[in-house]
Every structure is written in structure tokens, then in C-alpha cells.
All heavy atoms as atom14 arrays in JSON, in Angstrom:
{
  "sequence": "LLPTGPSLLREVDMLGVFRYANCYPEALALLGSGRLGNVDQMVTQKYP",
  "atom14_mask": [
    [1, 1, 1, 1, 1, 1, 1, 1, 0, 0, 0, 0, 0, 0],
    [1, 1, 1, 1, 1, 1, 1, 1, 0, 0, 0, 0, 0, 0],
    [1, 1, 1, 1, 1, 1, 1, 0, 0, 0, 0, 0, 0, 0],
    [1, 1, 1, 1, 1, 1, 1, 0, 0, 0, 0, 0, 0, 0],
    [1, 1, 1, 1, 0, 0, 0, 0, 0, 0, 0, 0, 0, 0],
    [1, 1, 1, 1, 1, 1, 1, 0, 0, 0, 0, 0, 0, 0],
    [1, 1, 1, 1, 1, 1, 0, 0, 0, 0, 0, 0, 0, 0],
    [1, 1, 1, 1, 1, 1, 1, 1, 0, 0, 0, 0, 0, 0],
    [1, 1, 1, 1, 1, 1, 1, 1, 0, 0, 0, 0, 0, 0],
    [1, 1, 1, 1, 1, 1, 1, 1, 1, 1, 1, 0, 0, 0],
    [1, 1, 1, 1, 1, 1, 1, 1, 1, 0, 0, 0, 0, 0],
    [1, 1, 1, 1, 1, 1, 1, 0, 0, 0, 0, 0, 0, 0],
    [1, 1, 1, 1, 1, 1, 1, 1, 0, 0, 0, 0, 0, 0],
    [1, 1, 1, 1, 1, 1, 1, 1, 0, 0, 0, 0, 0, 0],
    [1, 1, 1, 1, 1, 1, 1, 1, 0, 0, 0, 0, 0, 0],
    [1, 1, 1, 1, 0, 0, 0, 0, 0, 0, 0, 0, 0, 0],
    [1, 1, 1, 1, 1, 1, 1, 0, 0, 0, 0, 0, 0, 0],
    [1, 1, 1, 1, 1, 1, 1, 1, 1, 1, 1, 0, 0, 0],
    [1, 1, 1, 1, 1, 1, 1, 1, 1, 1, 1, 0, 0, 0],
    [1, 1, 1, 1, 1, 1, 1, 1, 1, 1, 1, 1, 0, 0],
    [1, 1, 1, 1, 1, 0, 0, 0, 0, 0, 0, 0, 0, 0],
    [1, 1, 1, 1, 1, 1, 1, 1, 0, 0, 0, 0, 0, 0],
    [1, 1, 1, 1, 1, 1, 0, 0, 0, 0, 0, 0, 0, 0],
    [1, 1, 1, 1, 1, 1, 1, 1, 1, 1, 1, 1, 0, 0],
    [1, 1, 1, 1, 1, 1, 1, 0, 0, 0, 0, 0, 0, 0],
    [1, 1, 1, 1, 1, 1, 1, 1, 1, 0, 0, 0, 0, 0],
    [1, 1, 1, 1, 1, 0, 0, 0, 0, 0, 0, 0, 0, 0],
    [1, 1, 1, 1, 1, 1, 1, 1, 0, 0, 0, 0, 0, 0],
    [1, 1, 1, 1, 1, 0, 0, 0, 0, 0, 0, 0, 0, 0],
    [1, 1, 1, 1, 1, 1, 1, 1, 0, 0, 0, 0, 0, 0],
    [1, 1, 1, 1, 1, 1, 1, 1, 0, 0, 0, 0, 0, 0],
    [1, 1, 1, 1, 0, 0, 0, 0, 0, 0, 0, 0, 0, 0],
    [1, 1, 1, 1, 1, 1, 0, 0, 0, 0, 0, 0, 0, 0],
    [1, 1, 1, 1, 0, 0, 0, 0, 0, 0, 0, 0, 0, 0],
    [1, 1, 1, 1, 1, 1, 1, 1, 1, 1, 1, 0, 0, 0],
    [1, 1, 1, 1, 1, 1, 1, 1, 0, 0, 0, 0, 0, 0],
    [1, 1, 1, 1, 0, 0, 0, 0, 0, 0, 0, 0, 0, 0],
    [1, 1, 1, 1, 1, 1, 1, 1, 0, 0, 0, 0, 0, 0],
    [1, 1, 1, 1, 1, 1, 1, 0, 0, 0, 0, 0, 0, 0],
    [1, 1, 1, 1, 1, 1, 1, 1, 0, 0, 0, 0, 0, 0],
    [1, 1, 1, 1, 1, 1, 1, 1, 1, 0, 0, 0, 0, 0],
    [1, 1, 1, 1, 1, 1, 1, 1, 0, 0, 0, 0, 0, 0],
    [1, 1, 1, 1, 1, 1, 1, 0, 0, 0, 0, 0, 0, 0],
    [1, 1, 1, 1, 1, 1, 1, 0, 0, 0, 0, 0, 0, 0],
    [1, 1, 1, 1, 1, 1, 1, 1, 1, 0, 0, 0, 0, 0],
    [1, 1, 1, 1, 1, 1, 1, 1, 1, 0, 0, 0, 0, 0],
    [1, 1, 1, 1, 1, 1, 1, 1, 1, 1, 1, 1, 0, 0],
    [1, 1, 1, 1, 1, 1, 1, 0, 0, 0, 0, 0, 0, 0]
  ],
  "atom14_positions": [
    [[29.91, -25.22, -23.96], [31.22, -25.24, -24.62], [32.13, -26.08, -23.8], [32.35, -25.72, -22.6], [31.74, -23.81, -24.94], [33.11, -23.66, -25.48], [33.19, -24.14, -26.95], [33.59, -22.18, -25.35], [0.0, 0.0, 0.0], [0.0, 0.0, 0.0], [0.0, 0.0, 0.0], [0.0, 0.0, 0.0], [0.0, 0.0, 0.0], [0.0, 0.0, 0.0]],
    [[32.78, -27.16, -24.34], [33.74, -27.95, -23.71], [35.04, -27.82, -24.39], [35.07, -27.81, -25.51], [33.27, -29.34, -23.51], [32.07, -29.71, -22.63], [31.76, -31.2, -22.76], [32.47, -29.43, -21.17], [0.0, 0.0, 0.0], [0.0, 0.0, 0.0], [0.0, 0.0, 0.0], [0.0, 0.0, 0.0], [0.0, 0.0, 0.0], [0.0, 0.0, 0.0]],
    [[36.14, -27.99, -23.6], [37.51, -27.98, -24.16], [37.9, -29.25, -24.74], [38.79, -30.02, -24.2], [38.37, -27.53, -22.96], [37.73, -28.11, -21.75], [36.23, -27.93, -22.06], [0.0, 0.0, 0.0], [0.0, 0.0, 0.0], [0.0, 0.0, 0.0], [0.0, 0.0, 0.0], [0.0, 0.0, 0.0], [0.0, 0.0, 0.0], [0.0, 0.0, 0.0]],
    [[37.24, -29.63, -25.86], [37.31, -30.98, -26.48], [38.8, -31.08, -27.08], [39.27, -32.17, -27.07], [36.31, -31.22, -27.48], [36.14, -30.18, -28.4], [34.94, -31.37, -26.76], [0.0, 0.0, 0.0], [0.0, 0.0, 0.0], [0.0, 0.0, 0.0], [0.0, 0.0, 0.0], [0.0, 0.0, 0.0], [0.0, 0.0, 0.0], [0.0, 0.0, 0.0]],
    [[39.32, -30.11, -27.6], [40.61, -30.14, -28.36], [41.69, -30.62, -27.38], [42.29, -31.74, -27.6], [0.0, 0.0, 0.0], [0.0, 0.0, 0.0], [0.0, 0.0, 0.0], [0.0, 0.0, 0.0], [0.0, 0.0, 0.0], [0.0, 0.0, 0.0], [0.0, 0.0, 0.0], [0.0, 0.0, 0.0], [0.0, 0.0, 0.0], [0.0, 0.0, 0.0]],
    [[41.86, -29.97, -26.23], [42.86, -30.4, -25.23], [42.55, -31.81, -24.75], [43.49, -32.66, -24.47], [42.88, -29.36, -24.22], [42.26, -28.2, -24.86], [41.32, -28.64, -25.82], [0.0, 0.0, 0.0], [0.0, 0.0, 0.0], [0.0, 0.0, 0.0], [0.0, 0.0, 0.0], [0.0, 0.0, 0.0], [0.0, 0.0, 0.0], [0.0, 0.0, 0.0]],
    [[41.18, -32.11, -24.6], [40.95, -33.49, -24.08], [41.33, -34.52, -25.01], [41.77, -35.65, -24.68], [39.43, -33.5, -23.65], [38.65, -33.72, -24.94], [0.0, 0.0, 0.0], [0.0, 0.0, 0.0], [0.0, 0.0, 0.0], [0.0, 0.0, 0.0], [0.0, 0.0, 0.0], [0.0, 0.0, 0.0], [0.0, 0.0, 0.0], [0.0, 0.0, 0.0]],
    [[41.04, -34.3, -26.3], [41.42, -35.23, -27.31], [42.95, -35.55, -27.39], [43.33, -36.67, -27.54], [40.84, -34.86, -28.71], [39.33, -34.85, -28.82], [38.88, -34.26, -30.17], [38.69, -36.14, -28.65], [0.0, 0.0, 0.0], [0.0, 0.0, 0.0], [0.0, 0.0, 0.0], [0.0, 0.0, 0.0], [0.0, 0.0, 0.0], [0.0, 0.0, 0.0]],
    [[43.68, -34.51, -27.37], [45.11, -34.54, -27.36], [45.64, -35.32, -26.2], [46.67, -35.99, -26.42], [45.75, -33.15, -27.55], [45.52, -32.44, -28.87], [46.02, -31.06, -28.69], [46.13, -33.22, -29.96], [0.0, 0.0, 0.0], [0.0, 0.0, 0.0], [0.0, 0.0, 0.0], [0.0, 0.0, 0.0], [0.0, 0.0, 0.0], [0.0, 0.0, 0.0]],
    [[44.95, -35.2, -25.05], [45.53, -35.92, -23.87], [44.73, -37.23, -23.62], [44.94, -37.98, -22.66], [45.23, -35.07, -22.65], [46.0, -33.76, -22.78], [45.94, -32.89, -21.45], [44.53, -32.49, -21.18], [43.78, -32.77, -20.15], [44.23, -33.52, -19.23], [42.6, -32.24, -20.1], [0.0, 0.0, 0.0], [0.0, 0.0, 0.0], [0.0, 0.0, 0.0]],
    [[43.92, -37.73, -24.61], [43.22, -38.88, -24.58], [42.38, -39.04, -23.25], [42.31, -40.05, -22.5], [44.12, -40.19, -24.73], [44.77, -40.33, -26.09], [45.35, -41.63, -26.27], [45.43, -42.47, -25.34], [45.87, -41.93, -27.4], [0.0, 0.0, 0.0], [0.0, 0.0, 0.0], [0.0, 0.0, 0.0], [0.0, 0.0, 0.0], [0.0, 0.0, 0.0]],
    [[41.67, -37.91, -23.04], [40.76, -37.92, -21.81], [39.35, -38.33, -22.38], [38.84, -37.76, -23.17], [40.72, -36.55, -21.2], [39.61, -36.48, -20.18], [42.1, -36.22, -20.49], [0.0, 0.0, 0.0], [0.0, 0.0, 0.0], [0.0, 0.0, 0.0], [0.0, 0.0, 0.0], [0.0, 0.0, 0.0], [0.0, 0.0, 0.0], [0.0, 0.0, 0.0]],
    [[38.89, -39.4, -21.88], [37.53, -39.9, -22.21], [36.44, -38.99, -21.56], [36.42, -39.09, -20.19], [37.37, -41.44, -21.87], [38.32, -42.2, -22.74], [38.82, -41.8, -23.83], [38.66, -43.38, -22.35], [0.0, 0.0, 0.0], [0.0, 0.0, 0.0], [0.0, 0.0, 0.0], [0.0, 0.0, 0.0], [0.0, 0.0, 0.0], [0.0, 0.0, 0.0]],
    [[35.66, -38.57, -22.2], [34.4, -37.73, -21.62], [33.16, -38.61, -21.71], [32.68, -38.78, -22.84], [34.32, -36.39, -22.2], [35.54, -35.54, -22.07], [35.2, -33.84, -22.69], [35.05, -34.07, -24.43], [0.0, 0.0, 0.0], [0.0, 0.0, 0.0], [0.0, 0.0, 0.0], [0.0, 0.0, 0.0], [0.0, 0.0, 0.0], [0.0, 0.0, 0.0]],
    [[32.56, -39.08, -20.56], [31.59, -39.94, -20.59], [30.3, -39.45, -19.95], [30.33, -38.87, -18.9], [31.96, -41.33, -19.81], [33.14, -42.03, -20.36], [33.45, -43.17, -19.42], [33.05, -42.47, -21.73], [0.0, 0.0, 0.0], [0.0, 0.0, 0.0], [0.0, 0.0, 0.0], [0.0, 0.0, 0.0], [0.0, 0.0, 0.0], [0.0, 0.0, 0.0]],
    [[29.22, -39.6, -20.67], [27.92, -39.06, -20.17], [27.37, -40.17, -19.24], [27.64, -41.44, -19.38], [0.0, 0.0, 0.0], [0.0, 0.0, 0.0], [0.0, 0.0, 0.0], [0.0, 0.0, 0.0], [0.0, 0.0, 0.0], [0.0, 0.0, 0.0], [0.0, 0.0, 0.0], [0.0, 0.0, 0.0], [0.0, 0.0, 0.0], [0.0, 0.0, 0.0]],
    [[26.61, -39.82, -18.09], [25.96, -40.65, -17.24], [24.51, -40.3, -17.18], [24.26, -39.16, -16.75], [26.63, -40.62, -15.77], [25.88, -41.39, -14.84], [28.03, -40.99, -15.75], [0.0, 0.0, 0.0], [0.0, 0.0, 0.0], [0.0, 0.0, 0.0], [0.0, 0.0, 0.0], [0.0, 0.0, 0.0], [0.0, 0.0, 0.0], [0.0, 0.0, 0.0]],
    [[23.65, -41.2, -17.51], [22.22, -40.88, -17.61], [21.46, -41.96, -16.85], [21.32, -43.09, -17.1], [21.64, -40.82, -19.04], [20.24, -40.37, -19.09], [19.92, -39.12, -18.73], [19.29, -41.27, -19.65], [18.51, -38.7, -18.84], [17.95, -40.78, -19.74], [17.62, -39.49, -19.27], [0.0, 0.0, 0.0], [0.0, 0.0, 0.0], [0.0, 0.0, 0.0]],
    [[21.2, -41.42, -15.52], [20.44, -42.28, -14.59], [21.25, -43.6, -14.29], [22.38, -43.56, -13.98], [18.98, -42.63, -15.17], [18.12, -41.34, -15.23], [16.8, -41.62, -15.96], [15.97, -40.37, -16.1], [15.05, -40.17, -16.97], [14.72, -41.25, -17.84], [14.42, -39.13, -16.95], [0.0, 0.0, 0.0], [0.0, 0.0, 0.0], [0.0, 0.0, 0.0]],
    [[20.61, -44.77, -14.58], [21.29, -46.0, -14.05], [20.51, -47.2, -14.66], [19.32, -47.04, -15.11], [21.29, -46.05, -12.57], [19.89, -45.75, -11.96], [18.86, -46.58, -11.97], [19.75, -44.42, -11.56], [17.66, -46.19, -11.43], [18.52, -44.04, -11.06], [17.47, -44.87, -10.9], [16.25, -44.47, -10.47], [0.0, 0.0, 0.0], [0.0, 0.0, 0.0]],
    [[21.21, -48.33, -14.62], [20.49, -49.51, -15.08], [21.04, -50.7, -14.22], [22.33, -50.82, -14.05], [20.68, -49.84, -16.54], [0.0, 0.0, 0.0], [0.0, 0.0, 0.0], [0.0, 0.0, 0.0], [0.0, 0.0, 0.0], [0.0, 0.0, 0.0], [0.0, 0.0, 0.0], [0.0, 0.0, 0.0], [0.0, 0.0, 0.0], [0.0, 0.0, 0.0]],
    [[20.23, -51.6, -13.67], [20.57, -52.75, -13.0], [21.49, -52.45, -11.68], [22.45, -53.24, -11.43], [21.32, -53.7, -13.83], [20.57, -54.06, -15.09], [19.35, -54.59, -15.07], [21.14, -53.81, -16.27], [0.0, 0.0, 0.0], [0.0, 0.0, 0.0], [0.0, 0.0, 0.0], [0.0, 0.0, 0.0], [0.0, 0.0, 0.0], [0.0, 0.0, 0.0]],
    [[21.2, -51.42, -11.05], [22.05, -50.9, -9.96], [21.36, -50.92, -8.54], [22.0, -50.97, -7.54], [22.45, -49.42, -10.23], [23.65, -49.2, -11.52], [0.0, 0.0, 0.0], [0.0, 0.0, 0.0], [0.0, 0.0, 0.0], [0.0, 0.0, 0.0], [0.0, 0.0, 0.0], [0.0, 0.0, 0.0], [0.0, 0.0, 0.0], [0.0, 0.0, 0.0]],
    [[20.01, -50.99, -8.48], [19.34, -50.89, -7.23], [19.68, -52.05, -6.27], [19.95, -51.75, -5.05], [17.79, -50.96, -7.46], [17.21, -49.6, -7.19], [17.46, -48.52, -8.09], [16.46, -49.3, -6.04], [16.89, -47.24, -7.82], [15.93, -48.07, -5.77], [16.16, -47.07, -6.73], [15.73, -45.83, -6.49], [0.0, 0.0, 0.0], [0.0, 0.0, 0.0]],
    [[19.78, -53.27, -6.6], [20.14, -54.33, -5.67], [21.45, -54.04, -5.0], [21.7, -54.23, -3.76], [20.13, -55.65, -6.45], [19.2, -55.34, -7.65], [19.44, -53.92, -7.93], [0.0, 0.0, 0.0], [0.0, 0.0, 0.0], [0.0, 0.0, 0.0], [0.0, 0.0, 0.0], [0.0, 0.0, 0.0], [0.0, 0.0, 0.0], [0.0, 0.0, 0.0]],
    [[22.48, -53.63, -5.84], [23.86, -53.38, -5.24], [23.78, -52.19, -4.4], [24.37, -52.09, -3.39], [24.9, -53.26, -6.36], [26.2, -53.03, -5.81], [27.28, -52.87, -6.88], [26.96, -53.04, -8.06], [28.45, -52.56, -6.52], [0.0, 0.0, 0.0], [0.0, 0.0, 0.0], [0.0, 0.0, 0.0], [0.0, 0.0, 0.0], [0.0, 0.0, 0.0]],
    [[23.04, -51.22, -4.86], [22.81, -49.89, -3.96], [22.27, -50.22, -2.64], [22.83, -49.77, -1.66], [22.02, -48.91, -4.77], [0.0, 0.0, 0.0], [0.0, 0.0, 0.0], [0.0, 0.0, 0.0], [0.0, 0.0, 0.0], [0.0, 0.0, 0.0], [0.0, 0.0, 0.0], [0.0, 0.0, 0.0], [0.0, 0.0, 0.0], [0.0, 0.0, 0.0]],
    [[21.13, -50.99, -2.62], [20.64, -51.35, -1.28], [21.48, -52.23, -0.44], [21.62, -52.14, 0.83], [19.28, -52.09, -1.56], [18.16, -51.13, -2.0], [16.93, -51.9, -2.52], [17.76, -50.13, -1.07], [0.0, 0.0, 0.0], [0.0, 0.0, 0.0], [0.0, 0.0, 0.0], [0.0, 0.0, 0.0], [0.0, 0.0, 0.0], [0.0, 0.0, 0.0]],
    [[22.25, -53.09, -1.19], [23.09, -54.02, -0.37], [24.26, -53.15, 0.24], [24.71, -53.36, 1.39], [23.72, -54.97, -1.29], [0.0, 0.0, 0.0], [0.0, 0.0, 0.0], [0.0, 0.0, 0.0], [0.0, 0.0, 0.0], [0.0, 0.0, 0.0], [0.0, 0.0, 0.0], [0.0, 0.0, 0.0], [0.0, 0.0, 0.0], [0.0, 0.0, 0.0]],
    [[24.73, -52.18, -0.48], [25.85, -51.36, -0.01], [25.31, -50.44, 1.25], [25.97, -50.38, 2.14], [26.28, -50.38, -1.08], [27.45, -50.81, -1.93], [27.64, -49.83, -3.13], [28.8, -50.89, -1.22], [0.0, 0.0, 0.0], [0.0, 0.0, 0.0], [0.0, 0.0, 0.0], [0.0, 0.0, 0.0], [0.0, 0.0, 0.0], [0.0, 0.0, 0.0]],
    [[24.14, -49.95, 1.03], [23.57, -49.09, 2.13], [23.38, -49.96, 3.38], [23.56, -49.41, 4.49], [22.21, -48.49, 1.63], [22.31, -47.33, 0.54], [20.98, -47.0, -0.13], [22.94, -46.12, 1.17], [0.0, 0.0, 0.0], [0.0, 0.0, 0.0], [0.0, 0.0, 0.0], [0.0, 0.0, 0.0], [0.0, 0.0, 0.0], [0.0, 0.0, 0.0]],
    [[22.91, -51.18, 3.18], [22.72, -52.01, 4.35], [23.98, -52.57, 5.02], [23.9, -53.02, 6.13], [0.0, 0.0, 0.0], [0.0, 0.0, 0.0], [0.0, 0.0, 0.0], [0.0, 0.0, 0.0], [0.0, 0.0, 0.0], [0.0, 0.0, 0.0], [0.0, 0.0, 0.0], [0.0, 0.0, 0.0], [0.0, 0.0, 0.0], [0.0, 0.0, 0.0]],
    [[25.07, -52.57, 4.19], [26.26, -53.19, 4.73], [26.98, -52.25, 5.72], [27.86, -52.78, 6.55], [27.25, -53.53, 3.55], [27.77, -52.19, 2.96], [0.0, 0.0, 0.0], [0.0, 0.0, 0.0], [0.0, 0.0, 0.0], [0.0, 0.0, 0.0], [0.0, 0.0, 0.0], [0.0, 0.0, 0.0], [0.0, 0.0, 0.0], [0.0, 0.0, 0.0]],
    [[26.81, -51.0, 5.67], [27.63, -50.08, 6.46], [28.89, -49.63, 5.89], [29.56, -48.82, 6.53], [0.0, 0.0, 0.0], [0.0, 0.0, 0.0], [0.0, 0.0, 0.0], [0.0, 0.0, 0.0], [0.0, 0.0, 0.0], [0.0, 0.0, 0.0], [0.0, 0.0, 0.0], [0.0, 0.0, 0.0], [0.0, 0.0, 0.0], [0.0, 0.0, 0.0]],
    [[29.2, -50.17, 4.7], [30.57, -49.95, 4.13], [30.64, -48.38, 3.82], [31.77, -47.87, 3.76], [30.74, -50.65, 2.94], [31.1, -52.03, 3.19], [31.35, -52.84, 1.78], [32.4, -52.08, 0.97], [32.45, -52.19, -0.26], [31.59, -52.86, -0.94], [33.44, -51.57, -0.92], [0.0, 0.0, 0.0], [0.0, 0.0, 0.0], [0.0, 0.0, 0.0]],
    [[29.51, -47.67, 3.55], [29.5, -46.27, 3.16], [29.53, -45.36, 4.33], [29.6, -44.2, 4.23], [28.4, -45.97, 2.3], [28.27, -46.93, 1.0], [27.04, -46.38, 0.11], [29.56, -46.73, 0.18], [0.0, 0.0, 0.0], [0.0, 0.0, 0.0], [0.0, 0.0, 0.0], [0.0, 0.0, 0.0], [0.0, 0.0, 0.0], [0.0, 0.0, 0.0]],
    [[29.47, -45.83, 5.55], [29.3, -45.02, 6.76], [27.9, -44.76, 7.05], [26.92, -45.23, 6.44], [0.0, 0.0, 0.0], [0.0, 0.0, 0.0], [0.0, 0.0, 0.0], [0.0, 0.0, 0.0], [0.0, 0.0, 0.0], [0.0, 0.0, 0.0], [0.0, 0.0, 0.0], [0.0, 0.0, 0.0], [0.0, 0.0, 0.0], [0.0, 0.0, 0.0]],
    [[27.69, -43.8, 7.98], [26.26, -43.49, 8.44], [25.72, -42.46, 7.4], [25.67, -41.22, 7.76], [26.29, -42.9, 9.83], [24.99, -42.78, 10.43], [23.89, -43.0, 9.79], [24.87, -42.3, 11.73], [0.0, 0.0, 0.0], [0.0, 0.0, 0.0], [0.0, 0.0, 0.0], [0.0, 0.0, 0.0], [0.0, 0.0, 0.0], [0.0, 0.0, 0.0]],
    [[25.32, -42.97, 6.33], [24.73, -42.11, 5.3], [23.41, -41.4, 5.74], [23.14, -40.36, 5.17], [24.42, -42.84, 3.95], [25.68, -43.35, 3.34], [23.49, -43.92, 4.22], [0.0, 0.0, 0.0], [0.0, 0.0, 0.0], [0.0, 0.0, 0.0], [0.0, 0.0, 0.0], [0.0, 0.0, 0.0], [0.0, 0.0, 0.0], [0.0, 0.0, 0.0]],
    [[22.73, -41.88, 6.81], [21.49, -41.22, 7.24], [21.8, -39.81, 7.59], [20.96, -38.94, 7.63], [20.86, -41.93, 8.28], [20.33, -43.34, 7.92], [20.89, -43.98, 6.97], [19.15, -43.68, 8.38], [0.0, 0.0, 0.0], [0.0, 0.0, 0.0], [0.0, 0.0, 0.0], [0.0, 0.0, 0.0], [0.0, 0.0, 0.0], [0.0, 0.0, 0.0]],
    [[23.05, -39.59, 8.05], [23.4, -38.18, 8.7], [23.29, -37.14, 7.5], [23.46, -35.86, 7.84], [24.7, -38.16, 9.29], [24.79, -38.92, 10.62], [26.08, -38.74, 11.33], [26.81, -37.76, 11.14], [26.53, -39.85, 12.06], [0.0, 0.0, 0.0], [0.0, 0.0, 0.0], [0.0, 0.0, 0.0], [0.0, 0.0, 0.0], [0.0, 0.0, 0.0]],
    [[23.28, -37.57, 6.24], [23.25, -36.66, 5.12], [21.98, -35.82, 5.13], [21.78, -34.69, 4.6], [23.38, -37.38, 3.73], [24.65, -37.74, 3.41], [24.73, -38.95, 2.01], [23.82, -37.81, 0.79], [0.0, 0.0, 0.0], [0.0, 0.0, 0.0], [0.0, 0.0, 0.0], [0.0, 0.0, 0.0], [0.0, 0.0, 0.0], [0.0, 0.0, 0.0]],
    [[20.91, -36.53, 5.76], [19.63, -35.86, 5.81], [19.54, -34.77, 6.94], [19.61, -35.04, 8.07], [18.38, -36.86, 5.98], [17.06, -36.06, 6.1], [18.54, -37.93, 4.92], [0.0, 0.0, 0.0], [0.0, 0.0, 0.0], [0.0, 0.0, 0.0], [0.0, 0.0, 0.0], [0.0, 0.0, 0.0], [0.0, 0.0, 0.0], [0.0, 0.0, 0.0]],
    [[19.65, -33.47, 6.57], [19.79, -32.41, 7.52], [18.43, -31.82, 7.75], [18.37, -31.12, 8.86], [20.65, -31.35, 6.94], [20.35, -30.93, 5.58], [22.22, -31.81, 6.98], [0.0, 0.0, 0.0], [0.0, 0.0, 0.0], [0.0, 0.0, 0.0], [0.0, 0.0, 0.0], [0.0, 0.0, 0.0], [0.0, 0.0, 0.0], [0.0, 0.0, 0.0]],
    [[17.4, -31.92, 7.08], [16.02, -31.44, 7.25], [15.08, -32.46, 6.8], [15.14, -33.07, 5.8], [15.86, -30.06, 6.45], [16.56, -28.87, 6.99], [18.03, -28.79, 6.52], [18.35, -29.44, 5.48], [18.89, -28.0, 7.14], [0.0, 0.0, 0.0], [0.0, 0.0, 0.0], [0.0, 0.0, 0.0], [0.0, 0.0, 0.0], [0.0, 0.0, 0.0]],
    [[13.94, -32.47, 7.59], [12.66, -33.19, 7.21], [11.6, -32.24, 7.3], [11.49, -31.42, 8.19], [12.53, -34.42, 8.14], [13.44, -35.56, 7.85], [13.03, -36.7, 8.81], [13.98, -37.88, 8.7], [13.63, -38.89, 9.49], [0.0, 0.0, 0.0], [0.0, 0.0, 0.0], [0.0, 0.0, 0.0], [0.0, 0.0, 0.0], [0.0, 0.0, 0.0]],
    [[10.64, -32.35, 6.28], [9.47, -31.46, 6.21], [8.31, -32.33, 6.13], [8.25, -33.34, 5.19], [9.55, -30.54, 5.06], [10.8, -29.58, 5.1], [12.02, -30.16, 4.61], [10.82, -28.25, 5.53], [13.16, -29.38, 4.49], [11.94, -27.55, 5.42], [13.07, -28.06, 5.01], [14.23, -27.31, 4.95], [0.0, 0.0, 0.0], [0.0, 0.0, 0.0]],
    [[7.12, -32.02, 6.47], [5.8, -32.57, 6.18], [5.47, -32.34, 4.88], [5.89, -31.2, 4.22], [4.81, -32.22, 7.24], [5.34, -30.87, 7.62], [6.81, -30.97, 7.62], [0.0, 0.0, 0.0], [0.0, 0.0, 0.0], [0.0, 0.0, 0.0], [0.0, 0.0, 0.0], [0.0, 0.0, 0.0], [0.0, 0.0, 0.0], [0.0, 0.0, 0.0]]
  ]
}
């Protein structure tokens, strides 16, 4: 159940996001650029 009535009256656009398309090259470029910071630190555990 979503509060669609109030959203419509306020012209709030509700957009679905399903996976991605044509994003991998830019994602890898961003990761390699360092602009996002040290994202490797997000990995807190490794398991075999």
C-alpha cells in the first residue's frame, strides 16, 4: 500500500528501478577513478 493520493497532489513522481542497462562501463570507470572514495572498505567479511 502506497500513499499515492498525497503523492499525486504534490506531483511527486514515483519511479521503479529494475536492474540497469548500459551502465557497466561507467560504473567501472567511476570505481577506477577514485571519485567514490575507498569503496573496497565496504567489504567487512570474506569467506571461502
